[in-house]
């Protein structure tokens, strides 16, 4: 198993921060969910299958990780 480098107390990995950001965006906006549109950001299309919803969330996580790491 990969070794996680020891971090000073209070430090968080970029992946953890990106995951929290993704969860916040997904929960507050309904990102990628099927159903009626609501206020906030919406994907280009609403997925019909759970696999499509999961794909939307994975793409959102990648975008959040890029943002946390300072990439565009």
N, C-alpha and C. Protein backbone atom coordinates (compact mmCIF):
# COMPACT_ATOMS: atom_id res chain seq x y z
N UNK A 1 0.84 -1.18 0.00
CA UNK A 1 0.00 0.00 0.00
C UNK A 1 0.89 1.24 0.00
N UNK A 2 0.42 2.28 -0.64
CA UNK A 2 1.19 3.52 -0.70
C UNK A 2 1.30 4.15 0.69
N UNK A 3 2.44 4.70 0.94
CA UNK A 3 2.65 5.41 2.19
C UNK A 3 2.16 6.85 2.04
N UNK A 4 1.39 7.30 2.98
CA UNK A 4 0.93 8.69 3.00
C UNK A 4 1.97 9.49 3.77
N UNK A 5 2.52 10.54 3.15
CA UNK A 5 3.51 11.34 3.86
C UNK A 5 2.90 11.97 5.11
N UNK A 6 3.70 12.04 6.16
CA UNK A 6 3.18 12.64 7.39
C UNK A 6 3.00 14.14 7.19
N UNK A 7 1.86 14.61 7.59
CA UNK A 7 1.53 16.02 7.44
C UNK A 7 1.44 16.65 8.82
N UNK A 8 1.81 17.90 8.92
CA UNK A 8 1.65 18.58 10.20
C UNK A 8 0.17 18.58 10.62
N UNK A 9 -0.07 18.60 11.90
CA UNK A 9 -1.44 18.61 12.40
C UNK A 9 -2.17 19.83 11.84
N UNK A 10 -3.37 19.60 11.35
CA UNK A 10 -4.15 20.68 10.75
C UNK A 10 -4.01 20.77 9.25
N UNK A 11 -3.05 20.04 8.68
CA UNK A 11 -2.87 20.05 7.23
C UNK A 11 -3.79 19.02 6.60
N UNK A 12 -4.22 19.32 5.41
CA UNK A 12 -5.09 18.40 4.68
C UNK A 12 -4.53 18.21 3.29
N UNK A 13 -4.73 17.01 2.75
CA UNK A 13 -4.29 16.73 1.40
C UNK A 13 -5.21 17.45 0.41
N UNK A 14 -4.67 17.77 -0.75
CA UNK A 14 -5.47 18.42 -1.79
C UNK A 14 -6.67 17.58 -2.18
N UNK A 15 -6.50 16.26 -2.19
CA UNK A 15 -7.60 15.36 -2.56
C UNK A 15 -8.75 15.47 -1.57
N UNK A 16 -8.43 15.62 -0.28
CA UNK A 16 -9.48 15.76 0.73
C UNK A 16 -10.23 17.08 0.59
N UNK A 17 -9.49 18.13 0.31
CA UNK A 17 -10.10 19.44 0.12
C UNK A 17 -10.99 19.42 -1.13
N UNK A 18 -10.48 18.82 -2.21
CA UNK A 18 -11.26 18.74 -3.45
C UNK A 18 -12.53 17.91 -3.25
N UNK A 19 -12.43 16.84 -2.46
CA UNK A 19 -13.61 16.01 -2.19
C UNK A 19 -14.67 16.80 -1.42
N UNK A 20 -14.25 17.56 -0.43
CA UNK A 20 -15.20 18.39 0.31
C UNK A 20 -15.83 19.44 -0.59
N UNK A 21 -15.02 20.04 -1.46
CA UNK A 21 -15.54 21.04 -2.39
C UNK A 21 -16.55 20.41 -3.35
N UNK A 22 -16.22 19.23 -3.86
CA UNK A 22 -17.12 18.52 -4.77
C UNK A 22 -18.44 18.20 -4.08
N UNK A 23 -18.37 17.70 -2.85
CA UNK A 23 -19.59 17.37 -2.12
C UNK A 23 -20.44 18.61 -1.88
N UNK A 24 -19.79 19.73 -1.54
CA UNK A 24 -20.53 20.97 -1.31
C UNK A 24 -21.25 21.42 -2.58
N UNK A 25 -20.52 21.42 -3.70
CA UNK A 25 -21.12 21.85 -4.97
C UNK A 25 -22.25 20.92 -5.37
N UNK A 26 -22.02 19.62 -5.29
CA UNK A 26 -23.03 18.64 -5.70
C UNK A 26 -24.28 18.74 -4.83
N UNK A 27 -24.11 18.90 -3.53
CA UNK A 27 -25.26 18.93 -2.63
C UNK A 27 -26.04 20.25 -2.75
N UNK A 28 -25.35 21.36 -2.88
CA UNK A 28 -26.05 22.64 -2.90
C UNK A 28 -26.68 22.98 -4.25
N UNK A 29 -26.14 22.39 -5.31
CA UNK A 29 -26.66 22.73 -6.64
C UNK A 29 -27.43 21.59 -7.30
N UNK A 30 -27.34 20.38 -6.76
CA UNK A 30 -27.98 19.25 -7.41
C UNK A 30 -27.24 18.84 -8.67
N UNK A 31 -25.96 19.15 -8.74
CA UNK A 31 -25.14 18.90 -9.92
C UNK A 31 -25.25 17.46 -10.37
N UNK A 32 -25.61 17.25 -11.62
CA UNK A 32 -25.64 15.93 -12.22
C UNK A 32 -26.84 15.07 -11.89
N UNK A 33 -27.73 15.54 -11.05
CA UNK A 33 -28.90 14.75 -10.67
C UNK A 33 -29.98 14.82 -11.74
N UNK A 34 -30.80 13.78 -11.75
CA UNK A 34 -31.96 13.79 -12.64
C UNK A 34 -33.09 14.50 -11.93
N UNK A 35 -34.08 14.89 -12.67
CA UNK A 35 -35.24 15.52 -12.05
C UNK A 35 -35.43 16.93 -12.54
N UNK A 36 -36.18 17.67 -11.77
CA UNK A 36 -36.52 19.03 -12.16
C UNK A 36 -35.34 19.96 -11.94
N UNK A 37 -35.15 20.89 -12.84
CA UNK A 37 -34.07 21.86 -12.68
C UNK A 37 -34.31 22.73 -11.45
N UNK A 38 -33.23 23.14 -10.82
CA UNK A 38 -33.32 24.03 -9.68
C UNK A 38 -32.31 25.15 -9.86
N UNK A 39 -32.35 26.09 -8.94
CA UNK A 39 -31.41 27.19 -9.01
C UNK A 39 -29.99 26.66 -8.85
N UNK A 40 -29.06 27.27 -9.52
CA UNK A 40 -27.67 26.86 -9.41
C UNK A 40 -27.15 26.31 -10.71
N UNK A 41 -25.98 25.73 -10.63
CA UNK A 41 -25.33 25.20 -11.82
C UNK A 41 -25.97 23.88 -12.20
N UNK A 42 -26.14 23.67 -13.46
CA UNK A 42 -26.68 22.41 -13.97
C UNK A 42 -25.77 21.91 -15.06
N UNK A 43 -25.65 20.60 -15.18
CA UNK A 43 -24.87 20.01 -16.25
C UNK A 43 -25.56 20.26 -17.57
N UNK A 44 -24.86 20.03 -18.67
CA UNK A 44 -25.44 20.25 -19.99
C UNK A 44 -26.64 19.35 -20.21
N UNK A 45 -26.56 18.13 -19.74
CA UNK A 45 -27.68 17.21 -19.83
C UNK A 45 -27.86 16.54 -18.48
N UNK A 46 -29.08 16.12 -18.20
CA UNK A 46 -29.30 15.42 -16.95
C UNK A 46 -29.19 13.93 -17.21
N UNK A 47 -28.36 13.22 -16.45
CA UNK A 47 -28.16 11.81 -16.69
C UNK A 47 -29.39 10.99 -16.34
N UNK A 48 -29.61 9.93 -17.08
CA UNK A 48 -30.76 9.07 -16.87
C UNK A 48 -30.39 7.85 -16.04
N UNK A 49 -29.11 7.51 -15.95
CA UNK A 49 -28.67 6.30 -15.27
C UNK A 49 -27.73 6.66 -14.12
N UNK A 50 -27.66 5.78 -13.11
CA UNK A 50 -26.72 6.02 -12.00
C UNK A 50 -25.27 6.11 -12.48
N UNK A 51 -24.92 5.35 -13.53
CA UNK A 51 -23.56 5.40 -14.04
C UNK A 51 -23.23 6.78 -14.60
N UNK A 52 -24.21 7.40 -15.23
CA UNK A 52 -23.99 8.74 -15.77
C UNK A 52 -23.85 9.76 -14.64
N UNK A 53 -24.63 9.59 -13.59
CA UNK A 53 -24.53 10.48 -12.43
C UNK A 53 -23.14 10.35 -11.80
N UNK A 54 -22.68 9.11 -11.64
CA UNK A 54 -21.35 8.88 -11.08
C UNK A 54 -20.28 9.51 -11.97
N UNK A 55 -20.43 9.40 -13.28
CA UNK A 55 -19.48 10.00 -14.21
C UNK A 55 -19.43 11.52 -14.05
N UNK A 56 -20.60 12.13 -13.88
CA UNK A 56 -20.66 13.58 -13.66
C UNK A 56 -19.91 13.96 -12.38
N UNK A 57 -20.10 13.16 -11.32
CA UNK A 57 -19.44 13.46 -10.06
C UNK A 57 -17.93 13.29 -10.16
N UNK A 58 -17.48 12.27 -10.89
CA UNK A 58 -16.04 12.07 -11.07
C UNK A 58 -15.42 13.22 -11.85
N UNK A 59 -16.11 13.69 -12.87
CA UNK A 59 -15.61 14.84 -13.63
C UNK A 59 -15.57 16.09 -12.75
N UNK A 60 -16.60 16.26 -11.91
CA UNK A 60 -16.63 17.40 -11.00
C UNK A 60 -15.47 17.32 -10.01
N UNK A 61 -15.19 16.11 -9.50
CA UNK A 61 -14.06 15.95 -8.59
C UNK A 61 -12.76 16.34 -9.27
N UNK A 62 -12.57 15.92 -10.51
CA UNK A 62 -11.36 16.28 -11.24
C UNK A 62 -11.23 17.79 -11.39
N UNK A 63 -12.33 18.45 -11.68
CA UNK A 63 -12.30 19.91 -11.81
C UNK A 63 -11.98 20.57 -10.47
N UNK A 64 -12.54 20.03 -9.38
CA UNK A 64 -12.28 20.58 -8.05
C UNK A 64 -10.81 20.37 -7.68
N UNK A 65 -10.26 19.19 -7.98
CA UNK A 65 -8.87 18.92 -7.67
C UNK A 65 -7.95 19.85 -8.45
N UNK A 66 -8.26 20.08 -9.72
CA UNK A 66 -7.48 21.02 -10.51
C UNK A 66 -7.53 22.42 -9.89
N UNK A 67 -8.70 22.82 -9.43
CA UNK A 67 -8.84 24.15 -8.82
C UNK A 67 -8.05 24.26 -7.53
N UNK A 68 -8.08 23.22 -6.72
CA UNK A 68 -7.34 23.24 -5.46
C UNK A 68 -5.83 23.27 -5.71
N UNK A 69 -5.39 22.55 -6.73
CA UNK A 69 -3.97 22.50 -7.05
C UNK A 69 -3.51 23.71 -7.86
N UNK A 70 -4.43 24.59 -8.21
CA UNK A 70 -4.07 25.80 -8.93
C UNK A 70 -3.93 25.64 -10.41
N UNK A 71 -4.46 24.53 -10.95
CA UNK A 71 -4.44 24.33 -12.41
C UNK A 71 -5.72 24.83 -13.00
N UNK A 72 -5.68 25.12 -14.30
CA UNK A 72 -6.91 25.58 -14.97
C UNK A 72 -7.54 24.50 -15.74
